[in-house]
């Protein structure tokens, strides 16, 4: 089922609520964006002039390269890492479908910087593709995208695919607005996997066990607010620095999907895991919007076809890790606990309501209501 409620949030975004969003983006969250003008000049963006000037200097030479650059943070093990599977299939399929015109070079394992650096390079036009957590883009350039990082939002990978597709008017409007506002095109959104809590010494069975813990979160505001609602202290740390932070005791624990825990060997420095599955990590494949629009129709279709094939590979490897990853973590010596239905209800009660209240304050009630109306339109199918 689909509900076309794009006008709800678009109206809110471009009317009174736009003042709040503008202020938010030009404050602590997103100083990179210039003020959006109001009234009749609302569609005229100073930011667009700044971005266009920067691209005239840096992006055009970068886009003239024959070889396209793509990067992500995981090791290049496509048989076990979902994002690596996606990137390798994207490389092969884009080359094949374009007759060699789209030739992608891969830079795995954070070779070109952390995820924040990746987003900034895509915005400048010096990087063609980055596969990142969508919340990083939200924290840097487009706060409203953080709505998809709310706790207990998705029921399964299938539910994610159905609700986050470009086929949905609300999602298409949102992602088109991201491209127009930031110069970054999201090719597709992916379910990285449900996140579980891990700690070094403290077994987590319910929210009461988390009070006072220092828990690493991604640099994503909704994740931080969720952790605080559980009584823990949220400590944002870049992914590539997390292992050392756990090893040295900078934080007591962290939360990640099983695949990430295995790939980064967090089980070596953590003793407990609770299968809370409190948030679905949302992945986003980014490209530069000006470069994307400069492609011929055939090249663009080749890229989208390659993205579709790569997305199947990502979800296939991710599903395998969902089924086998927890047992592998257990085999590595981590004590794994599955909360009871009563305990899971406590996690939901502690996080869902406060997170929605926070979102309404930050993004505007009309936008949030529109998003949840979109999500609820799929309830009968899931």
Protein backbone atom coordinates (compact mmCIF):
# COMPACT_ATOMS: atom_id res chain seq x y z
CA UNK A 1 0.00 0.00 0.00
CA UNK A 2 1.14 3.56 -0.68
CA UNK A 3 -0.07 6.87 0.61
CA UNK A 4 0.87 10.06 -1.20
CA UNK A 5 1.41 12.41 1.70
CA UNK A 6 4.38 14.28 0.30
CA UNK A 7 2.45 17.59 0.30
CA UNK A 8 1.98 17.33 4.08
CA UNK A 9 5.63 17.63 4.89
CA UNK A 10 6.48 19.75 1.84
CA UNK A 11 3.87 22.31 2.89
CA UNK A 12 5.20 22.29 6.42
CA UNK A 13 8.77 22.49 5.19
CA UNK A 14 8.11 25.50 2.99
CA UNK A 15 5.80 27.41 5.35
CA UNK A 16 6.14 28.40 8.99
CA UNK A 17 8.09 25.29 9.89
CA UNK A 18 10.75 26.23 7.33
CA UNK A 19 11.92 28.99 9.66
CA UNK A 20 12.69 26.44 12.33
CA UNK A 21 14.44 24.04 9.95
CA UNK A 22 16.54 26.89 8.55
CA UNK A 23 17.61 27.92 12.01
CA UNK A 24 18.36 24.32 12.95
CA UNK A 25 20.52 23.74 9.91
CA UNK A 26 22.47 26.92 10.43
CA UNK A 27 23.07 26.31 14.13
CA UNK A 28 25.05 23.61 15.86
CA UNK A 29 23.83 20.82 13.60
CA UNK A 30 24.66 22.09 10.17
CA UNK A 31 26.73 25.27 9.90
CA UNK A 32 27.74 24.24 6.38
CA UNK A 33 24.39 25.18 4.87
CA UNK A 34 23.52 28.80 4.11
CA UNK A 35 20.17 30.30 5.12
CA UNK A 36 17.18 29.41 2.98
CA UNK A 37 15.33 32.56 2.01
CA UNK A 38 11.67 33.00 2.90
CA UNK A 39 8.56 34.23 1.11
CA UNK A 40 8.73 34.72 -2.63
CA UNK A 41 12.48 34.13 -2.61
CA UNK A 42 12.18 30.80 -0.80
CA UNK A 43 13.30 28.79 -3.81
CA UNK A 44 16.36 30.97 -4.32
CA UNK A 45 19.13 29.42 -2.23
CA UNK A 46 22.36 31.18 -1.29
CA UNK A 47 23.66 27.71 -0.55
CA UNK A 48 23.11 26.82 -4.20
CA UNK A 49 25.37 29.68 -5.30
CA UNK A 50 28.06 28.66 -2.83
CA UNK A 51 27.83 25.02 -3.89
CA UNK A 52 27.84 25.94 -7.57
CA UNK A 53 30.94 28.09 -7.13
CA UNK A 54 32.73 25.33 -5.28
CA UNK A 55 31.81 22.79 -7.93
CA UNK A 56 33.03 25.09 -10.68
CA UNK A 57 36.45 24.94 -9.06
CA UNK A 58 36.64 21.40 -7.71
CA UNK A 59 33.86 19.21 -9.03
CA UNK A 60 34.26 19.60 -12.78
CA UNK A 61 37.89 18.41 -12.87
CA UNK A 62 36.96 15.53 -10.58
CA UNK A 63 34.03 14.50 -12.75
CA UNK A 64 36.24 14.53 -15.84
CA UNK A 65 38.10 11.46 -14.57
CA UNK A 66 37.63 8.26 -16.57
CA UNK A 67 37.70 6.11 -13.43
CA UNK A 68 35.02 6.68 -10.80
CA UNK A 69 35.91 6.34 -7.12
CA UNK A 70 33.78 4.50 -4.55
CA UNK A 71 34.46 3.99 -0.86
CA UNK A 72 33.07 2.51 2.37
CA UNK A 73 34.36 1.61 5.84
CA UNK A 74 34.26 -2.21 5.93
CA UNK A 75 36.98 -4.66 4.81
CA UNK A 76 36.59 -5.82 1.22
CA UNK A 77 35.13 -9.24 2.03
CA UNK A 78 32.01 -9.42 -0.17
CA UNK A 79 31.20 -13.00 0.85
CA UNK A 80 30.62 -11.89 4.46
CA UNK A 81 30.20 -8.08 4.48
CA UNK A 82 26.88 -6.80 3.05
CA UNK A 83 28.21 -3.37 2.07
CA UNK A 84 31.27 -4.92 0.42
CA UNK A 85 28.97 -7.25 -1.53
CA UNK A 86 26.97 -4.24 -2.72
CA UNK A 87 30.04 -2.27 -3.80
CA UNK A 88 31.64 -5.14 -5.70
CA UNK A 89 28.42 -5.95 -7.57
CA UNK A 90 27.89 -2.25 -8.31
CA UNK A 91 31.37 -2.08 -9.80
CA UNK A 92 30.92 -5.15 -12.01
CA UNK A 93 27.34 -4.44 -13.07
CA UNK A 94 27.84 -0.73 -13.80
CA UNK A 95 30.76 -1.58 -16.06
CA UNK A 96 28.80 -4.32 -17.83
CA UNK A 97 25.54 -2.42 -18.29
CA UNK A 98 27.29 0.75 -19.51
CA UNK A 99 29.58 -1.02 -21.95
CA UNK A 100 32.60 0.08 -19.93
CA UNK A 101 31.63 3.76 -19.70
CA UNK A 102 31.09 3.55 -15.91
CA UNK A 103 34.40 2.21 -14.62
CA UNK A 104 34.48 2.22 -10.81
CA UNK A 105 37.57 1.83 -8.62
CA UNK A 106 36.93 0.56 -5.08
CA UNK A 107 38.49 1.99 -1.91
CA UNK A 108 37.32 -0.21 1.01
CA UNK A 109 38.14 -0.09 4.71
CA UNK A 110 37.93 3.68 5.08
CA UNK A 111 40.87 4.35 2.77
CA UNK A 112 39.48 7.77 1.86
CA UNK A 113 38.47 8.77 5.40
CA UNK A 114 35.63 8.19 7.82
CA UNK A 115 31.97 8.50 6.90
CA UNK A 116 31.78 12.23 7.61
CA UNK A 117 34.74 12.79 5.28
CA UNK A 118 33.07 10.62 2.65
CA UNK A 119 29.89 12.72 2.71
CA UNK A 120 31.89 15.92 2.37
CA UNK A 121 33.88 14.53 -0.57
CA UNK A 122 30.70 13.51 -2.38
CA UNK A 123 29.26 16.99 -1.79
CA UNK A 124 32.42 18.56 -3.26
CA UNK A 125 32.39 16.22 -6.25
CA UNK A 126 35.79 14.66 -5.56
CA UNK A 127 34.18 11.28 -4.76
CA UNK A 128 31.58 9.58 -6.93
CA UNK A 129 30.12 6.95 -4.57
CA UNK A 130 30.03 6.40 -0.81
CA UNK A 131 28.08 3.77 1.12
CA UNK A 132 27.40 5.19 4.57
CA UNK A 133 24.92 5.21 7.42
CA UNK A 134 22.20 7.65 6.37
CA UNK A 135 22.26 9.34 9.76
CA UNK A 136 25.71 10.74 9.04
CA UNK A 137 24.28 12.67 6.09
CA UNK A 138 21.42 13.79 8.34
CA UNK A 139 23.78 15.06 11.02
CA UNK A 140 25.89 17.01 8.52
CA UNK A 141 23.47 18.43 5.97
CA UNK A 142 19.82 17.36 6.20
CA UNK A 143 18.49 16.78 9.74
CA UNK A 144 15.02 15.59 8.69
CA UNK A 145 16.56 12.47 7.16
CA UNK A 146 17.17 11.37 10.75
CA UNK A 147 13.48 10.44 10.98
CA UNK A 148 14.34 7.01 9.53
CA UNK A 149 16.70 6.33 12.45
CA UNK A 150 13.92 6.23 15.05
CA UNK A 151 13.83 3.25 17.45
CA UNK A 152 11.63 0.21 16.74
CA UNK A 153 10.57 1.68 13.39
CA UNK A 154 11.08 -1.37 11.16
CA UNK A 155 9.73 -4.88 11.68
CA UNK A 156 11.96 -6.77 9.23
CA UNK A 157 14.16 -6.35 6.18
CA UNK A 158 11.11 -6.89 3.98
CA UNK A 159 9.25 -4.15 5.86
CA UNK A 160 12.22 -1.84 5.35
CA UNK A 161 12.39 -2.52 1.61
CA UNK A 162 8.67 -1.89 1.19
CA UNK A 163 8.60 1.38 3.13
CA UNK A 164 11.92 2.94 2.03
CA UNK A 165 11.64 2.46 -1.74
CA UNK A 166 11.68 5.34 -4.23
CA UNK A 167 8.32 3.92 -5.36
CA UNK A 168 6.74 5.56 -2.30
CA UNK A 169 5.78 9.22 -2.91
CA UNK A 170 6.78 10.32 0.59
CA UNK A 171 10.25 8.76 0.32
CA UNK A 172 10.78 10.02 -3.23
CA UNK A 173 9.85 13.57 -2.20
CA UNK A 174 12.16 13.38 0.80
CA UNK A 175 15.17 12.05 -1.14
CA UNK A 176 14.60 14.48 -4.02
CA UNK A 177 14.59 17.29 -1.47
CA UNK A 178 17.88 15.98 -0.05
CA UNK A 179 19.41 16.14 -3.54
CA UNK A 180 18.09 19.63 -4.24
CA UNK A 181 19.19 20.99 -0.89
CA UNK A 182 22.60 19.33 -0.48
CA UNK A 183 23.83 18.40 -3.94
CA UNK A 184 23.95 14.74 -2.85
CA UNK A 185 21.80 12.11 -4.54
CA UNK A 186 20.84 9.02 -2.52
CA UNK A 187 20.74 6.19 -5.06
CA UNK A 188 19.15 3.74 -2.63
CA UNK A 189 18.56 3.02 1.05
CA UNK A 190 19.56 -0.32 2.56
CA UNK A 191 18.84 -2.22 5.78
CA UNK A 192 22.28 -2.68 7.34
CA UNK A 193 20.73 -4.81 10.09
CA UNK A 194 19.10 -4.54 13.50
CA UNK A 195 21.38 -3.18 16.20
CA UNK A 196 22.05 -5.04 19.46
CA UNK A 197 23.58 -3.76 22.70
CA UNK A 198 27.01 -5.05 23.76
CA UNK A 199 29.00 -4.33 26.92
CA UNK A 200 32.27 -5.43 28.45
CA UNK A 201 31.13 -6.33 31.98
CA UNK A 202 27.42 -5.52 32.45
CA UNK A 203 24.74 -7.96 31.30
CA UNK A 204 21.79 -6.01 29.88
CA UNK A 205 18.34 -7.55 30.37
CA UNK A 206 16.18 -4.43 30.65
CA UNK A 207 16.51 -0.63 30.50
CA UNK A 208 17.27 -0.59 34.24
CA UNK A 209 20.60 -2.30 33.51
CA UNK A 210 21.69 0.55 31.24
CA UNK A 211 21.45 3.38 33.74
CA UNK A 212 24.82 5.08 34.10
CA UNK A 213 26.58 3.14 31.32
CA UNK A 214 28.73 5.04 28.84
CA UNK A 215 27.50 3.72 25.49
CA UNK A 216 29.03 4.54 22.15
CA UNK A 217 26.55 5.65 19.53
CA UNK A 218 26.96 6.71 15.95
CA UNK A 219 27.19 10.44 15.32
CA UNK A 220 23.42 10.41 14.76
CA UNK A 221 21.24 12.56 16.98
CA UNK A 222 18.18 10.22 17.14
CA UNK A 223 20.46 7.38 18.30
CA UNK A 224 21.93 9.59 20.99
CA UNK A 225 18.50 10.71 22.23
CA UNK A 226 17.32 7.10 22.32
CA UNK A 227 20.33 6.05 24.42
CA UNK A 228 19.73 8.90 26.84
CA UNK A 229 16.08 7.87 27.22
CA UNK A 230 17.37 4.50 28.46
CA UNK A 231 19.40 6.19 31.20
CA UNK A 232 22.79 5.71 29.56
CA UNK A 233 25.29 8.37 28.54
CA UNK A 234 25.58 8.58 24.76
CA UNK A 235 29.17 8.95 23.55
CA UNK A 236 29.41 9.54 19.77
CA UNK A 237 32.59 7.96 18.38
CA UNK A 238 33.49 7.38 14.71
CA UNK A 239 33.16 3.76 13.61
CA UNK A 240 36.84 3.37 12.72
CA UNK A 241 37.84 4.47 16.25
CA UNK A 242 35.37 2.25 18.09
CA UNK A 243 37.48 -0.88 18.65
CA UNK A 244 40.22 1.09 20.40
CA UNK A 245 37.66 3.00 22.47
CA UNK A 246 36.15 -0.29 23.69
CA UNK A 247 39.57 -1.79 24.31
CA UNK A 248 40.80 1.14 26.39
CA UNK A 249 37.57 1.63 28.35
CA UNK A 250 36.62 5.01 26.91
CA UNK A 251 33.10 3.56 26.75
CA UNK A 252 31.44 0.62 28.51
CA UNK A 253 29.68 -0.68 25.43
CA UNK A 254 28.21 -0.03 22.02
CA UNK A 255 25.43 -1.14 19.67
CA UNK A 256 25.74 -2.58 16.18
CA UNK A 257 24.30 -5.26 13.90
CA UNK A 258 25.88 -8.73 14.24
CA UNK A 259 27.65 -8.35 10.88
CA UNK A 260 29.52 -5.25 12.09
CA UNK A 261 30.37 -6.85 15.43
CA UNK A 262 31.93 -9.76 13.53
CA UNK A 263 33.67 -7.71 10.81
CA UNK A 264 35.30 -5.36 13.32
CA UNK A 265 35.90 -8.13 15.91
CA UNK A 266 34.21 -6.21 18.70
CA UNK A 267 33.63 -9.59 20.37
CA UNK A 268 37.31 -9.49 21.35
CA UNK A 269 36.69 -6.55 23.70
CA UNK A 270 33.06 -7.14 24.75
CA UNK A 271 31.69 -9.83 27.04
CA UNK A 272 27.91 -9.47 26.76
CA UNK A 273 25.33 -8.90 24.03
CA UNK A 274 21.58 -8.31 24.38
CA UNK A 275 19.43 -8.96 21.31
CA UNK A 276 17.44 -5.76 21.68
CA UNK A 277 17.16 -5.09 17.91
CA UNK A 278 16.18 -1.56 18.87
CA UNK A 279 17.14 0.25 15.64
CA UNK A 280 17.58 -0.81 12.04
CA UNK A 281 20.79 0.74 10.78
CA UNK A 282 19.90 2.52 7.54
CA UNK A 283 22.54 2.55 4.83
CA UNK A 284 22.59 5.10 2.03
CA UNK A 285 24.46 4.97 -1.27
CA UNK A 286 25.49 8.51 -2.14
CA UNK A 287 26.59 10.14 -5.37
CA UNK A 288 27.09 13.73 -6.44
CA UNK A 289 23.87 15.17 -7.85
CA UNK A 290 25.52 17.34 -10.51
CA UNK A 291 27.54 14.38 -11.78
CA UNK A 292 24.45 12.15 -11.69
CA UNK A 293 22.45 14.64 -13.77
CA UNK A 294 25.36 14.97 -16.24
CA UNK A 295 25.06 11.29 -17.21
CA UNK A 296 23.34 10.34 -20.43
CA UNK A 297 19.99 8.61 -20.09
CA UNK A 298 21.62 5.29 -21.00
CA UNK A 299 24.38 5.76 -18.43
CA UNK A 300 21.89 6.70 -15.72
CA UNK A 301 19.75 3.66 -16.47
CA UNK A 302 22.86 1.47 -16.41
CA UNK A 303 23.78 2.86 -12.99
CA UNK A 304 20.27 2.35 -11.59
CA UNK A 305 20.17 -1.19 -12.96
CA UNK A 306 23.54 -1.88 -11.32
CA UNK A 307 22.30 -0.40 -8.05
CA UNK A 308 19.28 -2.72 -8.12
CA UNK A 309 21.47 -5.80 -8.65
CA UNK A 310 23.91 -4.67 -5.96
CA UNK A 311 21.05 -4.10 -3.54
CA UNK A 312 20.00 -7.74 -3.93
CA UNK A 313 23.55 -8.83 -3.10
CA UNK A 314 23.62 -6.56 -0.05
CA UNK A 315 20.36 -7.88 1.32
CA UNK A 316 21.30 -11.50 0.64
CA UNK A 317 24.56 -11.34 2.58
CA UNK A 318 22.86 -9.26 5.28
CA UNK A 319 20.12 -11.86 5.70
CA UNK A 320 22.71 -14.62 6.09
CA UNK A 321 24.50 -12.60 8.75
CA UNK A 322 21.19 -12.02 10.55
CA UNK A 323 20.66 -15.78 10.75
CA UNK A 324 24.20 -16.93 11.53
CA UNK A 325 25.91 -13.89 13.05
CA UNK A 326 24.52 -14.18 16.58
CA UNK A 327 25.72 -17.77 16.87
CA UNK A 328 29.18 -16.80 15.65
CA UNK A 329 29.34 -14.06 18.28
CA UNK A 330 28.30 -16.62 20.89
CA UNK A 331 30.98 -19.01 19.63
CA UNK A 332 33.56 -16.27 20.14
CA UNK A 333 32.81 -16.33 23.88
CA UNK A 334 30.28 -13.52 24.21
CA UNK A 335 27.34 -14.17 26.55
CA UNK A 336 24.23 -13.54 24.43
CA UNK A 337 20.89 -12.73 26.08
CA UNK A 338 17.49 -12.57 24.37
CA UNK A 339 15.15 -10.24 26.31
CA UNK A 340 11.72 -11.58 27.23
CA UNK A 341 8.59 -10.03 25.66
CA UNK A 342 8.03 -8.09 28.89
CA UNK A 343 11.59 -6.74 28.82
CA UNK A 344 11.28 -5.80 25.14
CA UNK A 345 8.09 -3.91 25.94
CA UNK A 346 10.07 -1.95 28.53
CA UNK A 347 12.68 -1.00 25.91
CA UNK A 348 9.94 0.18 23.55
CA UNK A 349 8.11 2.12 26.23
CA UNK A 350 11.31 3.86 27.29
CA UNK A 351 12.30 4.94 23.77
CA UNK A 352 9.47 5.20 21.24
CA UNK A 353 7.38 7.94 22.87
CA UNK A 354 10.28 10.20 23.91
CA UNK A 355 11.91 9.80 20.48
CA UNK A 356 8.74 10.86 18.69
CA UNK A 357 8.29 13.86 20.98
CA UNK A 358 11.86 14.89 20.27
CA UNK A 359 11.35 14.45 16.51
CA UNK A 360 8.22 16.62 16.56
CA UNK A 361 10.15 19.34 18.35
CA UNK A 362 13.06 19.19 15.91
CA UNK A 363 11.36 18.45 12.57
CA UNK A 364 7.83 19.73 13.12
CA UNK A 365 4.71 17.78 14.01
CA UNK A 366 3.24 17.90 10.51
CA UNK A 367 6.31 16.32 8.94
CA UNK A 368 6.55 13.65 11.65
CA UNK A 369 2.83 12.84 11.44
CA UNK A 370 3.14 12.56 7.67
CA UNK A 371 6.06 10.18 7.95
CA UNK A 372 4.30 7.92 10.44
CA UNK A 373 1.15 7.95 8.31
CA UNK A 374 3.33 6.66 5.47
CA UNK A 375 4.75 3.92 7.72
CA UNK A 376 1.33 2.94 9.08
CA UNK A 377 -0.04 2.51 5.56
CA UNK A 378 2.00 -0.72 5.38
CA UNK A 379 0.79 -2.19 8.69
CA UNK A 380 -1.78 -4.47 7.07
CA UNK A 381 0.96 -6.15 5.02
CA UNK A 382 3.42 -6.61 7.89
